[in-house]
Protein backbone atom coordinates (compact mmCIF):
# COMPACT_ATOMS: atom_id res chain seq x y z
CA MET A 1 -70.52 -10.84 -7.37
CA ALA A 2 -70.83 -10.96 -11.14
CA GLY A 3 -67.64 -10.02 -12.94
CA GLU A 4 -65.28 -10.79 -10.08
CA ILE A 5 -62.85 -12.71 -12.30
CA VAL A 6 -63.02 -9.97 -14.95
CA GLU A 7 -62.24 -7.33 -12.34
CA ARG A 8 -59.26 -9.20 -10.93
CA VAL A 9 -57.79 -9.95 -14.37
CA VAL A 10 -58.18 -6.39 -15.66
CA ARG A 11 -56.82 -4.91 -12.41
CA TYR A 12 -53.78 -7.22 -12.51
CA ILE A 13 -52.91 -6.47 -16.13
CA ALA A 14 -53.37 -2.70 -15.77
CA SER A 15 -51.37 -2.63 -12.52
CA GLU A 16 -48.46 -4.42 -14.16
CA ILE A 17 -48.36 -1.98 -17.08
CA VAL A 18 -48.52 1.38 -15.29
CA ASP A 19 -45.88 3.17 -13.21
CA ASN A 20 -48.21 3.88 -10.27
CA ALA A 21 -50.10 0.62 -9.66
CA GLU A 22 -51.81 2.02 -6.56
CA ALA A 23 -53.70 4.54 -8.70
CA VAL A 24 -55.40 1.85 -10.83
CA GLU A 25 -59.12 1.62 -10.19
CA VAL A 26 -61.39 -0.98 -11.78
CA GLU A 27 -65.13 -0.79 -11.23
CA ILE A 28 -67.52 -3.45 -12.48
CA ILE A 29 -70.93 -2.28 -13.65
CA GLU A 30 -73.60 -4.88 -14.34
CA GLU A 31 -75.38 -3.94 -17.55
CA SER A 32 -77.64 -6.99 -17.35
CA ASP A 33 -77.65 -10.49 -15.89
CA SER A 34 -75.24 -11.64 -18.58
CA GLU A 35 -73.19 -8.53 -19.33
CA VAL A 36 -70.68 -6.49 -17.33
CA VAL A 37 -68.54 -3.43 -18.07
CA ALA A 38 -65.18 -2.92 -16.39
CA GLU A 39 -64.36 0.78 -16.07
CA VAL A 40 -60.62 1.35 -15.74
CA ARG A 41 -59.15 4.56 -14.33
CA THR A 42 -55.46 5.36 -13.99
CA GLU A 43 -53.37 8.47 -13.54
CA LYS A 44 -53.40 10.63 -16.66
CA SER A 45 -49.70 9.98 -17.19
CA ASP A 46 -50.28 6.20 -17.23
CA MET A 47 -53.35 6.13 -19.49
CA GLY A 48 -51.18 6.09 -22.61
CA ARG A 49 -49.41 2.97 -21.38
CA VAL A 50 -52.72 1.19 -20.81
CA ILE A 51 -54.10 2.16 -24.21
CA GLY A 52 -50.86 1.59 -26.13
CA ARG A 53 -49.91 2.54 -29.66
CA ARG A 54 -52.92 2.45 -31.94
CA GLY A 55 -54.88 0.94 -29.05
CA ARG A 56 -53.12 -2.40 -29.22
CA VAL A 57 -52.70 -2.82 -25.45
CA ALA A 58 -56.31 -1.79 -24.84
CA LYS A 59 -57.46 -4.29 -27.45
CA ALA A 60 -55.44 -7.05 -25.77
CA ILE A 61 -56.88 -6.15 -22.34
CA ARG A 62 -60.39 -6.29 -23.80
CA LEU A 63 -59.70 -9.69 -25.34
CA VAL A 64 -58.44 -11.14 -22.05
CA ALA A 65 -61.41 -9.59 -20.21
CA GLN A 66 -63.78 -11.28 -22.66
CA ALA A 67 -62.08 -14.62 -21.99
CA ALA A 68 -62.43 -14.03 -18.23
CA GLY A 69 -66.08 -13.17 -18.75
CA ASP A 70 -66.59 -16.41 -20.68
CA GLU A 71 -65.30 -18.24 -17.61
CA GLU A 72 -68.14 -16.67 -15.61
CA GLY A 73 -70.72 -17.03 -18.38
CA LEU A 74 -70.76 -13.27 -18.98
CA LYS A 75 -70.13 -10.92 -21.85
CA ALA A 76 -67.44 -8.51 -20.65
CA GLN A 77 -66.50 -5.10 -22.00
CA VAL A 78 -63.74 -2.74 -20.88
CA GLU A 79 -63.87 1.06 -20.93
CA PHE A 80 -60.88 3.30 -20.22
CA LEU A 81 -61.85 6.52 -18.46
CA ASP A 82 -59.89 9.67 -17.61
C-alpha cells in the first residue's frame, strides 16, 4: 500500500502527543501514483495539541511525513480534520 510508512509515522507522532491515543485516526488518500495525503482526526479536545501554538507542531508533523514519503518515493501531505 502506498503511504504505509507515512501513515505509521504520522499515527505514532499524533498518538504520543494527544491525551486519548485511541481516538487518533489516520487515513491515507492516494492523490496520484506519486502523491499521498494523510488525513488526521483526533478528539476535538486534542486537536489543539496536534496543531500546536502557531501551528508549529503541525508543521513539524508535516515535515516528518514528507521525509517518510521520500523514503517511499512519494510526495506526502498532512491535513488535520475536525
